[in-house]
PDB file of all heavy atoms in Angstrom:
ATOM      1  N   LEU A   1       0.830  -1.209   0.000  1.00  0.00           N
ATOM      2  CA  LEU A   1       0.000   0.000   0.000  1.00  0.00           C
ATOM      3  C   LEU A   1       0.864   1.259   0.000  1.00  0.00           C
ATOM      4  O   LEU A   1       0.603   2.203  -0.750  1.00  0.00           O
ATOM      5  CB  LEU A   1      -0.946  -0.009   1.206  1.00  0.00           C
ATOM      6  CG  LEU A   1      -2.031  -1.081   1.178  1.00  0.00           C
ATOM      7  CD1 LEU A   1      -2.759  -1.147   2.522  1.00  0.00           C
ATOM      8  CD2 LEU A   1      -3.016  -0.854   0.044  1.00  0.00           C
ATOM      9  N   GLN A   2       1.896   1.270   0.830  1.00  0.00           N
ATOM     10  CA  GLN A   2       2.778   2.436   0.897  1.00  0.00           C
ATOM     11  C   GLN A   2       3.531   2.638  -0.416  1.00  0.00           C
ATOM     12  O   GLN A   2       3.712   3.776  -0.860  1.00  0.00           O
ATOM     13  CB  GLN A   2       3.747   2.295   2.068  1.00  0.00           C
ATOM     14  CG  GLN A   2       3.044   2.454   3.395  1.00  0.00           C
ATOM     15  CD  GLN A   2       3.920   2.121   4.590  1.00  0.00           C
ATOM     16  OE1 GLN A   2       4.723   1.204   4.558  1.00  0.00           O
ATOM     17  NE2 GLN A   2       3.749   2.885   5.667  1.00  0.00           N
ATOM     18  N   LYS A   3       3.961   1.550  -1.055  1.00  0.00           N
ATOM     19  CA  LYS A   3       4.654   1.672  -2.347  1.00  0.00           C
ATOM     20  C   LYS A   3       3.738   2.240  -3.423  1.00  0.00           C
ATOM     21  O   LYS A   3       4.201   2.817  -4.393  1.00  0.00           O
ATOM     22  CB  LYS A   3       5.219   0.324  -2.782  1.00  0.00           C
ATOM     23  CG  LYS A   3       6.481  -0.033  -2.022  1.00  0.00           C
ATOM     24  CD  LYS A   3       7.089  -1.321  -2.507  1.00  0.00           C
ATOM     25  CE  LYS A   3       8.395  -1.544  -1.750  1.00  0.00           C
ATOM     26  NZ  LYS A   3       8.984  -2.842  -2.013  1.00  0.00           N
ATOM     27  N   ASN A   4       2.432   2.074  -3.242  1.00  0.00           N
ATOM     28  CA  ASN A   4       1.454   2.636  -4.179  1.00  0.00           C
ATOM     29  C   ASN A   4       0.926   3.986  -3.708  1.00  0.00           C
ATOM     30  O   ASN A   4      -0.100   4.455  -4.183  1.00  0.00           O
ATOM     31  CB  ASN A   4       0.324   1.631  -4.404  1.00  0.00           C
ATOM     32  CG  ASN A   4       0.734   0.535  -5.341  1.00  0.00           C
ATOM     33  OD1 ASN A   4       0.758   0.734  -6.548  1.00  0.00           O
ATOM     34  ND2 ASN A   4       1.102  -0.618  -4.805  1.00  0.00           N
ATOM     35  N   ARG A   5       1.642   4.569  -2.757  1.00  0.00           N
ATOM     36  CA  ARG A   5       1.344   5.907  -2.229  1.00  0.00           C
ATOM     37  C   ARG A   5      -0.062   6.020  -1.641  1.00  0.00           C
ATOM     38  O   ARG A   5      -0.749   7.028  -1.806  1.00  0.00           O
ATOM     39  CB  ARG A   5       1.560   6.964  -3.309  1.00  0.00           C
ATOM     40  CG  ARG A   5       2.998   7.085  -3.742  1.00  0.00           C
ATOM     41  CD  ARG A   5       3.174   8.231  -4.715  1.00  0.00           C
ATOM     42  NE  ARG A   5       4.569   8.468  -4.974  1.00  0.00           N
ATOM     43  CZ  ARG A   5       5.237   8.002  -6.021  1.00  0.00           C
ATOM     44  NH1 ARG A   5       4.608   7.249  -6.903  1.00  0.00           N
ATOM     45  NH2 ARG A   5       6.508   8.285  -6.193  1.00  0.00           N
ATOM     46  N   LEU A   6      -0.476   4.952  -0.968  1.00  0.00           N
ATOM     47  CA  LEU A   6      -1.775   4.944  -0.305  1.00  0.00           C
ATOM     48  C   LEU A   6      -1.554   5.028   1.196  1.00  0.00           C
ATOM     49  O   LEU A   6      -0.626   4.423   1.733  1.00  0.00           O
ATOM     50  CB  LEU A   6      -2.546   3.674  -0.667  1.00  0.00           C
ATOM     51  CG  LEU A   6      -2.904   3.561  -2.158  1.00  0.00           C
ATOM     52  CD1 LEU A   6      -3.403   2.174  -2.484  1.00  0.00           C
ATOM     53  CD2 LEU A   6      -3.943   4.604  -2.536  1.00  0.00           C
ATOM     54  N   SER A   7      -2.412   5.739   1.860  1.00  0.00           N
ATOM     55  CA  SER A   7      -2.272   5.947   3.304  1.00  0.00           C
ATOM     56  C   SER A   7      -2.592   4.667   4.076  1.00  0.00           C
ATOM     57  O   SER A   7      -3.586   3.990   3.796  1.00  0.00           O
ATOM     58  CB  SER A   7      -3.207   7.058   3.760  1.00  0.00           C
ATOM     59  OG  SER A   7      -3.159   7.165   5.168  1.00  0.00           O
ATOM     60  N   VAL A   8      -1.752   4.377   5.046  1.00  0.00           N
ATOM     61  CA  VAL A   8      -1.992   3.248   5.945  1.00  0.00           C
ATOM     62  C   VAL A   8      -2.290   3.745   7.358  1.00  0.00           C
ATOM     63  O   VAL A   8      -2.403   2.949   8.284  1.00  0.00           O
ATOM     64  CB  VAL A   8      -0.800   2.253   5.942  1.00  0.00           C
ATOM     65  CG1 VAL A   8      -0.619   1.648   4.556  1.00  0.00           C
ATOM     66  CG2 VAL A   8       0.473   2.914   6.423  1.00  0.00           C
ATOM     67  N   GLU A   9      -2.437   5.039   7.485  1.00  0.00           N
ATOM     68  CA  GLU A   9      -2.689   5.650   8.789  1.00  0.00           C
ATOM     69  C   GLU A   9      -4.003   5.137   9.364  1.00  0.00           C
ATOM     70  O   GLU A   9      -5.032   5.108   8.694  1.00  0.00           O
ATOM     71  CB  GLU A   9      -2.752   7.170   8.653  1.00  0.00           C
ATOM     72  CG  GLU A   9      -2.900   7.895   9.964  1.00  0.00           C
ATOM     73  CD  GLU A   9      -2.908   9.398   9.802  1.00  0.00           C
ATOM     74  OE1 GLU A   9      -2.383   9.902   8.795  1.00  0.00           O
ATOM     75  OE2 GLU A   9      -3.451  10.055  10.694  1.00  0.00           O
ATOM     76  N   GLY A  10      -3.958   4.713  10.609  1.00  0.00           N
ATOM     77  CA  GLY A  10      -5.153   4.280  11.315  1.00  0.00           C
ATOM     78  C   GLY A  10      -5.612   2.863  11.011  1.00  0.00           C
ATOM     79  O   GLY A  10      -6.613   2.421  11.580  1.00  0.00           O
ATOM     80  N   LEU A  11      -4.915   2.161  10.136  1.00  0.00           N
ATOM     81  CA  LEU A  11      -5.333   0.791   9.827  1.00  0.00           C
ATOM     82  C   LEU A  11      -5.097  -0.114  11.028  1.00  0.00           C
ATOM     83  O   LEU A  11      -4.090  -0.001  11.715  1.00  0.00           O
ATOM     84  CB  LEU A  11      -4.553   0.239   8.627  1.00  0.00           C
ATOM     85  CG  LEU A  11      -4.852   0.841   7.271  1.00  0.00           C
ATOM     86  CD1 LEU A  11      -3.981   0.177   6.212  1.00  0.00           C
ATOM     87  CD2 LEU A  11      -6.324   0.698   6.916  1.00  0.00           C
ATOM     88  N   ARG A  12      -6.062  -1.004  11.266  1.00  0.00           N
ATOM     89  CA  ARG A  12      -5.890  -1.998  12.310  1.00  0.00           C
ATOM     90  C   ARG A  12      -6.760  -3.203  11.975  1.00  0.00           C
ATOM     91  O   ARG A  12      -7.777  -3.088  11.287  1.00  0.00           O
ATOM     92  CB  ARG A  12      -6.232  -1.429  13.689  1.00  0.00           C
ATOM     93  CG  ARG A  12      -7.661  -0.995  13.855  1.00  0.00           C
ATOM     94  CD  ARG A  12      -7.914  -0.315  15.210  1.00  0.00           C
ATOM     95  NE  ARG A  12      -9.286   0.130  15.282  1.00  0.00           N
ATOM     96  CZ  ARG A  12     -10.306  -0.622  15.671  1.00  0.00           C
ATOM     97  NH1 ARG A  12     -10.105  -1.876  16.041  1.00  0.00           N
ATOM     98  NH2 ARG A  12     -11.530  -0.134  15.707  1.00  0.00           N
ATOM     99  N   SER A  13      -6.343  -4.333  12.453  1.00  0.00           N
ATOM    100  CA  SER A  13      -7.096  -5.565  12.284  1.00  0.00           C
ATOM    101  C   SER A  13      -8.173  -5.613  13.364  1.00  0.00           C
ATOM    102  O   SER A  13      -7.868  -5.499  14.547  1.00  0.00           O
ATOM    103  CB  SER A  13      -6.128  -6.752  12.409  1.00  0.00           C
ATOM    104  OG  SER A  13      -6.817  -7.964  12.318  1.00  0.00           O
ATOM    105  N   LYS A  14      -9.437  -5.747  12.936  1.00  0.00           N
ATOM    106  CA  LYS A  14     -10.537  -5.664  13.907  1.00  0.00           C
ATOM    107  C   LYS A  14     -11.605  -6.716  13.638  1.00  0.00           C
ATOM    108  O   LYS A  14     -11.718  -7.236  12.531  1.00  0.00           O
ATOM    109  CB  LYS A  14     -11.136  -4.270  13.929  1.00  0.00           C
ATOM    110  CG  LYS A  14     -11.666  -3.787  12.614  1.00  0.00           C
ATOM    111  CD  LYS A  14     -11.751  -2.274  12.601  1.00  0.00           C
ATOM    112  CE  LYS A  14     -11.676  -1.680  11.223  1.00  0.00           C
ATOM    113  NZ  LYS A  14     -10.491  -1.939  10.457  1.00  0.00           N
ATOM    114  N   ASN A  15     -12.408  -6.972  14.649  1.00  0.00           N
ATOM    115  CA  ASN A  15     -13.469  -7.963  14.570  1.00  0.00           C
ATOM    116  C   ASN A  15     -14.713  -7.351  13.930  1.00  0.00           C
ATOM    117  O   ASN A  15     -15.053  -6.197  14.191  1.00  0.00           O
ATOM    118  CB  ASN A  15     -13.797  -8.470  15.976  1.00  0.00           C
ATOM    119  CG  ASN A  15     -14.636  -9.714  15.946  1.00  0.00           C
ATOM    120  OD1 ASN A  15     -15.795  -9.701  15.540  1.00  0.00           O
ATOM    121  ND2 ASN A  15     -14.061 -10.812  16.394  1.00  0.00           N
ATOM    122  N   TRP A  16     -15.400  -8.158  13.150  1.00  0.00           N
ATOM    123  CA  TRP A  16     -16.604  -7.670  12.487  1.00  0.00           C
ATOM    124  C   TRP A  16     -17.708  -7.291  13.475  1.00  0.00           C
ATOM    125  O   TRP A  16     -18.636  -6.553  13.136  1.00  0.00           O
ATOM    126  CB  TRP A  16     -17.096  -8.624  11.426  1.00  0.00           C
ATOM    127  CG  TRP A  16     -17.586  -9.987  11.860  1.00  0.00           C
ATOM    128  CD1 TRP A  16     -17.933 -10.403  13.112  1.00  0.00           C
ATOM    129  CD2 TRP A  16     -17.790 -11.108  11.010  1.00  0.00           C
ATOM    130  NE1 TRP A  16     -18.346 -11.714  13.083  1.00  0.00           N
ATOM    131  CE2 TRP A  16     -18.275 -12.182  11.809  1.00  0.00           C
ATOM    132  CE3 TRP A  16     -17.642 -11.323   9.648  1.00  0.00           C
ATOM    133  CZ2 TRP A  16     -18.578 -13.427  11.283  1.00  0.00           C
ATOM    134  CZ3 TRP A  16     -17.953 -12.585   9.137  1.00  0.00           C
ATOM    135  CH2 TRP A  16     -18.403 -13.613   9.941  1.00  0.00           C
ATOM    136  N   ALA A  17     -17.607  -7.756  14.714  1.00  0.00           N
ATOM    137  CA  ALA A  17     -18.598  -7.408  15.736  1.00  0.00           C
ATOM    138  C   ALA A  17     -18.664  -5.891  15.968  1.00  0.00           C
ATOM    139  O   ALA A  17     -19.700  -5.376  16.394  1.00  0.00           O
ATOM    140  CB  ALA A  17     -18.283  -8.124  17.048  1.00  0.00           C
ATOM    141  N   GLU A  18     -17.583  -5.182  15.668  1.00  0.00           N
ATOM    142  CA  GLU A  18     -17.588  -3.715  15.818  1.00  0.00           C
ATOM    143  C   GLU A  18     -18.648  -3.059  14.946  1.00  0.00           C
ATOM    144  O   GLU A  18     -19.095  -1.956  15.240  1.00  0.00           O
ATOM    145  CB  GLU A  18     -16.219  -3.128  15.448  1.00  0.00           C
ATOM    146  CG  GLU A  18     -15.140  -3.390  16.461  1.00  0.00           C
ATOM    147  CD  GLU A  18     -13.865  -2.617  16.176  1.00  0.00           C
ATOM    148  OE1 GLU A  18     -13.923  -1.530  15.549  1.00  0.00           O
ATOM    149  OE2 GLU A  18     -12.800  -3.104  16.584  1.00  0.00           O
ATOM    150  N   PHE A  19     -19.066  -3.733  13.880  1.00  0.00           N
ATOM    151  CA  PHE A  19     -19.998  -3.141  12.925  1.00  0.00           C
ATOM    152  C   PHE A  19     -21.442  -3.544  13.157  1.00  0.00           C
ATOM    153  O   PHE A  19     -22.322  -3.187  12.389  1.00  0.00           O
ATOM    154  CB  PHE A  19     -19.540  -3.462  11.499  1.00  0.00           C
ATOM    155  CG  PHE A  19     -18.240  -2.802  11.184  1.00  0.00           C
ATOM    156  CD1 PHE A  19     -17.038  -3.460  11.428  1.00  0.00           C
ATOM    157  CD2 PHE A  19     -18.200  -1.502  10.721  1.00  0.00           C
ATOM    158  CE1 PHE A  19     -15.818  -2.837  11.181  1.00  0.00           C
ATOM    159  CE2 PHE A  19     -16.993  -0.866  10.480  1.00  0.00           C
ATOM    160  CZ  PHE A  19     -15.800  -1.537  10.715  1.00  0.00           C
ATOM    161  N   GLU A  20     -21.673  -4.287  14.241  1.00  0.00           N
ATOM    162  CA  GLU A  20     -23.054  -4.623  14.594  1.00  0.00           C
ATOM    163  C   GLU A  20     -23.451  -3.978  15.920  1.00  0.00           C
ATOM    164  O   GLU A  20     -24.567  -4.130  16.374  1.00  0.00           O
ATOM    165  CB  GLU A  20     -23.256  -6.138  14.626  1.00  0.00           C
ATOM    166  CG  GLU A  20     -22.353  -6.872  15.574  1.00  0.00           C
ATOM    167  CD  GLU A  20     -22.564  -8.383  15.559  1.00  0.00           C
ATOM    168  OE1 GLU A  20     -23.628  -8.858  15.145  1.00  0.00           O
ATOM    169  OE2 GLU A  20     -21.642  -9.088  15.981  1.00  0.00           O
ATOM    170  N   ARG A  21     -22.536  -3.245  16.506  1.00  0.00           N
ATOM    171  CA  ARG A  21     -22.799  -2.581  17.793  1.00  0.00           C
ATOM    172  C   ARG A  21     -23.578  -1.284  17.584  1.00  0.00           C
ATOM    173  O   ARG A  21     -23.517  -0.675  16.515  1.00  0.00           O
ATOM    174  CB  ARG A  21     -21.476  -2.236  18.469  1.00  0.00           C
ATOM    175  CG  ARG A  21     -20.700  -3.448  18.904  1.00  0.00           C
ATOM    176  CD  ARG A  21     -19.443  -3.048  19.641  1.00  0.00           C
ATOM    177  NE  ARG A  21     -18.694  -4.241  19.997  1.00  0.00           N
ATOM    178  CZ  ARG A  21     -17.380  -4.338  19.936  1.00  0.00           C
ATOM    179  NH1 ARG A  21     -16.649  -3.311  19.571  1.00  0.00           N
ATOM    180  NH2 ARG A  21     -16.785  -5.461  20.264  1.00  0.00           N
ATOM    181  N   PRO A  22     -24.253  -0.827  18.650  1.00  0.00           N
ATOM    182  CA  PRO A  22     -24.904   0.488  18.564  1.00  0.00           C
ATOM    183  C   PRO A  22     -23.857   1.565  18.240  1.00  0.00           C
ATOM    184  O   PRO A  22     -22.737   1.525  18.745  1.00  0.00           O
ATOM    185  CB  PRO A  22     -25.481   0.687  19.974  1.00  0.00           C
ATOM    186  CG  PRO A  22     -25.626  -0.697  20.531  1.00  0.00           C
ATOM    187  CD  PRO A  22     -24.507  -1.502  19.921  1.00  0.00           C
ATOM    188  N   GLY A  23     -24.227   2.466  17.376  1.00  0.00           N
ATOM    189  CA  GLY A  23     -23.318   3.541  16.983  1.00  0.00           C
ATOM    190  C   GLY A  23     -22.403   3.194  15.834  1.00  0.00           C
ATOM    191  O   GLY A  23     -21.672   4.051  15.343  1.00  0.00           O
ATOM    192  N   ALA A  24     -22.435   1.946  15.387  1.00  0.00           N
ATOM    193  CA  ALA A  24     -21.609   1.555  14.238  1.00  0.00           C
ATOM    194  C   ALA A  24     -22.176   2.206  12.975  1.00  0.00           C
ATOM    195  O   ALA A  24     -23.361   2.545  12.916  1.00  0.00           O
ATOM    196  CB  ALA A  24     -21.611   0.037  14.084  1.00  0.00           C
ATOM    197  N   PRO A  25     -21.320   2.392  11.965  1.00  0.00           N
ATOM    198  CA  PRO A  25     -21.816   2.977  10.714  1.00  0.00           C
ATOM    199  C   PRO A  25     -22.925   2.119  10.101  1.00  0.00           C
ATOM    200  O   PRO A  25     -22.861   0.887  10.157  1.00  0.00           O
ATOM    201  CB  PRO A  25     -20.587   2.971   9.795  1.00  0.00           C
ATOM    202  CG  PRO A  25     -19.419   2.691  10.662  1.00  0.00           C
ATOM    203  CD  PRO A  25     -19.918   2.036  11.900  1.00  0.00           C
ATOM    204  N   LYS A  26     -23.942   2.768   9.542  1.00  0.00           N
ATOM    205  CA  LYS A  26     -25.009   2.053   8.834  1.00  0.00           C
ATOM    206  C   LYS A  26     -24.454   1.671   7.466  1.00  0.00           C
ATOM    207  O   LYS A  26     -24.182   2.538   6.639  1.00  0.00           O
ATOM    208  CB  LYS A  26     -26.248   2.926   8.689  1.00  0.00           C
ATOM    209  CG  LYS A  26     -27.397   2.196   8.038  1.00  0.00           C
ATOM    210  CD  LYS A  26     -28.624   3.086   7.921  1.00  0.00           C
ATOM    211  CE  LYS A  26     -29.760   2.387   7.237  1.00  0.00           C
ATOM    212  NZ  LYS A  26     -29.613   2.316   5.792  1.00  0.00           N
ATOM    213  N   LEU A  27     -24.264   0.391   7.260  1.00  0.00           N
ATOM    214  CA  LEU A  27     -23.612  -0.102   6.046  1.00  0.00           C
ATOM    215  C   LEU A  27     -24.591  -0.233   4.892  1.00  0.00           C
ATOM    216  O   LEU A  27     -25.751  -0.631   5.075  1.00  0.00           O
ATOM    217  CB  LEU A  27     -22.960  -1.455   6.330  1.00  0.00           C
ATOM    218  CG  LEU A  27     -21.918  -1.434   7.448  1.00  0.00           C
ATOM    219  CD1 LEU A  27     -21.544  -2.840   7.855  1.00  0.00           C
ATOM    220  CD2 LEU A  27     -20.686  -0.647   7.009  1.00  0.00           C
ATOM    221  N   ASP A  28     -24.097   0.081   3.693  1.00  0.00           N
ATOM    222  CA  ASP A  28     -24.882  -0.084   2.475  1.00  0.00           C
ATOM    223  C   ASP A  28     -24.528  -1.378   1.756  1.00  0.00           C
ATOM    224  O   ASP A  28     -25.393  -2.026   1.163  1.00  0.00           O
ATOM    225  CB  ASP A  28     -24.633   1.097   1.524  1.00  0.00           C
ATOM    226  CG  ASP A  28     -25.085   2.406   2.133  1.00  0.00           C
ATOM    227  OD1 ASP A  28     -26.297   2.550   2.369  1.00  0.00           O
ATOM    228  OD2 ASP A  28     -24.228   3.280   2.390  1.00  0.00           O
ATOM    229  N   LEU A  29     -23.239  -1.720   1.781  1.00  0.00           N
ATOM    230  CA  LEU A  29     -22.744  -2.890   1.051  1.00  0.00           C
ATOM    231  C   LEU A  29     -21.722  -3.629   1.897  1.00  0.00           C
ATOM    232  O   LEU A  29     -20.913  -2.994   2.589  1.00  0.00           O
ATOM    233  CB  LEU A  29     -22.065  -2.449  -0.253  1.00  0.00           C
ATOM    234  CG  LEU A  29     -22.937  -1.709  -1.256  1.00  0.00           C
ATOM    235  CD1 LEU A  29     -22.079  -0.860  -2.172  1.00  0.00           C
ATOM    236  CD2 LEU A  29     -23.746  -2.696  -2.057  1.00  0.00           C
ATOM    237  N   ILE A  30     -21.754  -4.964   1.797  1.00  0.00           N
ATOM    238  CA  ILE A  30     -20.758  -5.790   2.478  1.00  0.00           C
ATOM    239  C   ILE A  30     -20.232  -6.798   1.466  1.00  0.00           C
ATOM    240  O   ILE A  30     -21.011  -7.512   0.823  1.00  0.00           O
ATOM    241  CB  ILE A  30     -21.352  -6.523   3.689  1.00  0.00           C
ATOM    242  CG1 ILE A  30     -21.852  -5.507   4.717  1.00  0.00           C
ATOM    243  CG2 ILE A  30     -20.309  -7.460   4.307  1.00  0.00           C
ATOM    244  CD1 ILE A  30     -22.562  -6.132   5.904  1.00  0.00           C
ATOM    245  N   PHE A  31     -18.911  -6.833   1.340  1.00  0.00           N
ATOM    246  CA  PHE A  31     -18.258  -7.781   0.439  1.00  0.00           C
ATOM    247  C   PHE A  31     -17.388  -8.730   1.242  1.00  0.00           C
ATOM    248  O   PHE A  31     -16.558  -8.275   2.037  1.00  0.00           O
ATOM    249  CB  PHE A  31     -17.350  -7.050  -0.561  1.00  0.00           C
ATOM    250  CG  PHE A  31     -18.078  -6.130  -1.494  1.00  0.00           C
ATOM    251  CD1 PHE A  31     -18.118  -4.765  -1.246  1.00  0.00           C
ATOM    252  CD2 PHE A  31     -18.714  -6.614  -2.623  1.00  0.00           C
ATOM    253  CE1 PHE A  31     -18.780  -3.899  -2.104  1.00  0.00           C
ATOM    254  CE2 PHE A  31     -19.380  -5.756  -3.491  1.00  0.00           C
ATOM    255  CZ  PHE A  31     -19.413  -4.398  -3.229  1.00  0.00           C
ATOM    256  N   THR A  32     -17.556 -10.030   1.034  1.00  0.00           N
ATOM    257  CA  THR A  32     -16.592 -10.975   1.571  1.00  0.00           C
ATOM    258  C   THR A  32     -15.532 -11.160   0.484  1.00  0.00           C
ATOM    259  O   THR A  32     -15.860 -11.286  -0.694  1.00  0.00           O
ATOM    260  CB  THR A  32     -17.240 -12.336   1.916  1.00  0.00           C
ATOM    261  OG1 THR A  32     -17.968 -12.816   0.785  1.00  0.00           O
ATOM    262  CG2 THR A  32     -18.147 -12.216   3.123  1.00  0.00           C
ATOM    263  N   VAL A  33     -14.275 -11.139   0.897  1.00  0.00           N
ATOM    264  CA  VAL A  33     -13.192 -11.270  -0.080  1.00  0.00           C
ATOM    265  C   VAL A  33     -12.390 -12.551   0.130  1.00  0.00           C
ATOM    266  O   VAL A  33     -11.382 -12.757  -0.521  1.00  0.00           O
ATOM    267  CB  VAL A  33     -12.268 -10.026  -0.096  1.00  0.00           C
ATOM    268  CG1 VAL A  33     -13.009  -8.819  -0.653  1.00  0.00           C
ATOM    269  CG2 VAL A  33     -11.692  -9.730   1.268  1.00  0.00           C
ATOM    270  N   CYS A  34     -12.851 -13.396   1.040  1.00  0.00           N
ATOM    271  CA  CYS A  34     -12.219 -14.709   1.186  1.00  0.00           C
ATOM    272  C   CYS A  34     -13.307 -15.762   1.303  1.00  0.00           C
ATOM    273  O   CYS A  34     -14.392 -15.492   1.818  1.00  0.00           O
ATOM    274  CB  CYS A  34     -11.241 -14.750   2.349  1.00  0.00           C
ATOM    275  SG  CYS A  34     -11.964 -14.761   3.982  1.00  0.00           S
ATOM    276  N   ASP A  35     -12.993 -16.947   0.812  1.00  0.00           N
ATOM    277  CA  ASP A  35     -13.988 -18.013   0.804  1.00  0.00           C
ATOM    278  C   ASP A  35     -14.359 -18.465   2.210  1.00  0.00           C
ATOM    279  O   ASP A  35     -15.497 -18.837   2.455  1.00  0.00           O
ATOM    280  CB  ASP A  35     -13.490 -19.195  -0.030  1.00  0.00           C
ATOM    281  CG  ASP A  35     -13.374 -18.824  -1.506  1.00  0.00           C
ATOM    282  OD1 ASP A  35     -14.131 -17.938  -1.962  1.00  0.00           O
ATOM    283  OD2 ASP A  35     -12.531 -19.419  -2.200  1.00  0.00           O
ATOM    284  N   ASN A  36     -13.412 -18.431   3.156  1.00  0.00           N
ATOM    285  CA  ASN A  36     -13.714 -18.843   4.527  1.00  0.00           C
ATOM    286  C   ASN A  36     -14.774 -17.942   5.147  1.00  0.00           C
ATOM    287  O   ASN A  36     -15.744 -18.417   5.731  1.00  0.00           O
ATOM    288  CB  ASN A  36     -12.464 -18.832   5.397  1.00  0.00           C
ATOM    289  CG  ASN A  36     -11.520 -19.957   5.043  1.00  0.00           C
ATOM    290  OD1 ASN A  36     -11.891 -20.909   4.378  1.00  0.00           O
ATOM    291  ND2 ASN A  36     -10.287 -19.844   5.487  1.00  0.00           N
ATOM    292  N   ALA A  37     -14.590 -16.629   5.031  1.00  0.00           N
ATOM    293  CA  ALA A  37     -15.565 -15.692   5.615  1.00  0.00           C
ATOM    294  C   ALA A  37     -16.921 -15.820   4.929  1.00  0.00           C
ATOM    295  O   ALA A  37     -17.963 -15.679   5.572  1.00  0.00           O
ATOM    296  CB  ALA A  37     -15.048 -14.262   5.528  1.00  0.00           C
ATOM    297  N   ALA A  38     -16.912 -16.099   3.629  1.00  0.00           N
ATOM    298  CA  ALA A  38     -18.169 -16.240   2.901  1.00  0.00           C
ATOM    299  C   ALA A  38     -18.960 -17.444   3.397  1.00  0.00           C
ATOM    300  O   ALA A  38     -20.184 -17.447   3.357  1.00  0.00           O
ATOM    301  CB  ALA A  38     -17.902 -16.365   1.408  1.00  0.00           C
ATOM    302  N   GLY A  39     -18.260 -18.466   3.894  1.00  0.00           N
ATOM    303  CA  GLY A  39     -18.917 -19.668   4.362  1.00  0.00           C
ATOM    304  C   GLY A  39     -19.336 -19.618   5.818  1.00  0.00           C
ATOM    305  O   GLY A  39     -20.015 -20.519   6.300  1.00  0.00           O
ATOM    306  N   GLU A  40     -18.942 -18.583   6.530  1.00  0.00           N
ATOM    307  CA  GLU A  40     -19.276 -18.473   7.948  1.00  0.00           C
ATOM    308  C   GLU A  40     -20.646 -17.838   8.127  1.00  0.00           C
ATOM    309  O   GLU A  40     -21.136 -17.138   7.255  1.00  0.00           O
ATOM    310  CB  GLU A  40     -18.226 -17.612   8.670  1.00  0.00           C
ATOM    311  CG  GLU A  40     -16.866 -18.275   8.721  1.00  0.00           C
ATOM    312  CD  GLU A  40     -15.860 -17.440   9.462  1.00  0.00           C
ATOM    313  OE1 GLU A  40     -15.377 -16.457   8.892  1.00  0.00           O
ATOM    314  OE2 GLU A  40     -15.573 -17.777  10.619  1.00  0.00           O
ATOM    315  N   VAL A  41     -21.230 -18.093   9.275  1.00  0.00           N
ATOM    316  CA  VAL A  41     -22.497 -17.452   9.604  1.00  0.00           C
ATOM    317  C   VAL A  41     -22.172 -16.024  10.019  1.00  0.00           C
ATOM    318  O   VAL A  41     -21.500 -15.793  11.018  1.00  0.00           O
ATOM    319  CB  VAL A  41     -23.227 -18.208  10.737  1.00  0.00           C
ATOM    320  CG1 VAL A  41     -24.502 -17.471  11.116  1.00  0.00           C
ATOM    321  CG2 VAL A  41     -23.535 -19.630  10.301  1.00  0.00           C
ATOM    322  N   CYS A  42     -22.633 -15.099   9.221  1.00  0.00           N
ATOM    323  CA  CYS A  42     -22.360 -13.685   9.496  1.00  0.00           C
ATOM    324  C   CYS A  42     -23.408 -13.126  10.440  1.00  0.00           C
ATOM    325  O   CYS A  42     -24.516 -13.654  10.535  1.00  0.00           O
ATOM    326  CB  CYS A  42     -22.388 -12.880   8.195  1.00  0.00           C
ATOM    327  SG  CYS A  42     -21.019 -13.247   7.099  1.00  0.00           S
ATOM    328  N   PRO A  43     -23.079 -12.050  11.117  1.00  0.00           N
ATOM    329  CA  PRO A  43     -24.077 -11.384  11.955  1.00  0.00           C
ATOM    330  C   PRO A  43     -25.242 -10.890  11.104  1.00  0.00           C
ATOM    331  O   PRO A  43     -25.131 -10.767   9.885  1.00  0.00           O
ATOM    332  CB  PRO A  43     -23.303 -10.189  12.531  1.00  0.00           C
ATOM    333  CG  PRO A  43     -21.870 -10.514  12.352  1.00  0.00           C
ATOM    334  CD  PRO A  43     -21.782 -11.399  11.159  1.00  0.00           C
ATOM    335  N   VAL A  44     -26.338 -10.605  11.760  1.00  0.00           N
ATOM    336  CA  VAL A  44     -27.448  -9.943  11.085  1.00  0.00           C
ATOM    337  C   VAL A  44     -27.121  -8.457  11.131  1.00  0.00           C
ATOM    338  O   VAL A  44     -27.098  -7.851  12.198  1.00  0.00           O
ATOM    339  CB  VAL A  44     -28.790 -10.247  11.780  1.00  0.00           C
ATOM    340  CG1 VAL A  44     -29.919  -9.470  11.115  1.00  0.00           C
ATOM    341  CG2 VAL A  44     -29.061 -11.741  11.752  1.00  0.00           C
ATOM    342  N   TRP A  45     -26.810  -7.903   9.981  1.00  0.00           N
ATOM    343  CA  TRP A  45     -26.362  -6.518   9.914  1.00  0.00           C
ATOM    344  C   TRP A  45     -27.544  -5.569   9.977  1.00  0.00           C
ATOM    345  O   TRP A  45     -28.533  -5.763   9.264  1.00  0.00           O
ATOM    346  CB  TRP A  45     -25.581  -6.281   8.614  1.00  0.00           C
ATOM    347  CG  TRP A  45     -24.432  -7.215   8.458  1.00  0.00           C
ATOM    348  CD1 TRP A  45     -24.365  -8.292   7.615  1.00  0.00           C
ATOM    349  CD2 TRP A  45     -23.180  -7.186   9.154  1.00  0.00           C
ATOM    350  NE1 TRP A  45     -23.157  -8.920   7.762  1.00  0.00           N
ATOM    351  CE2 TRP A  45     -22.408  -8.265   8.693  1.00  0.00           C
ATOM    352  CE3 TRP A  45     -22.646  -6.347  10.124  1.00  0.00           C
ATOM    353  CZ2 TRP A  45     -21.123  -8.529   9.167  1.00  0.00           C
ATOM    354  CZ3 TRP A  45     -21.371  -6.603  10.595  1.00  0.00           C
ATOM    355  CH2 TRP A  45     -20.626  -7.686  10.119  1.00  0.00           C
TER     356      TRP A  45
END
């Protein structure tokens, strides 16, 4: 990312549970980018 001059500021590895909590951003679209996550039972967003 840095070699492509893209900002990495603030990046962190986080649990998807952060996006189902009160106050989380209201999501419009969700993409799974790995087959393992696509096969898991996802939260009700």
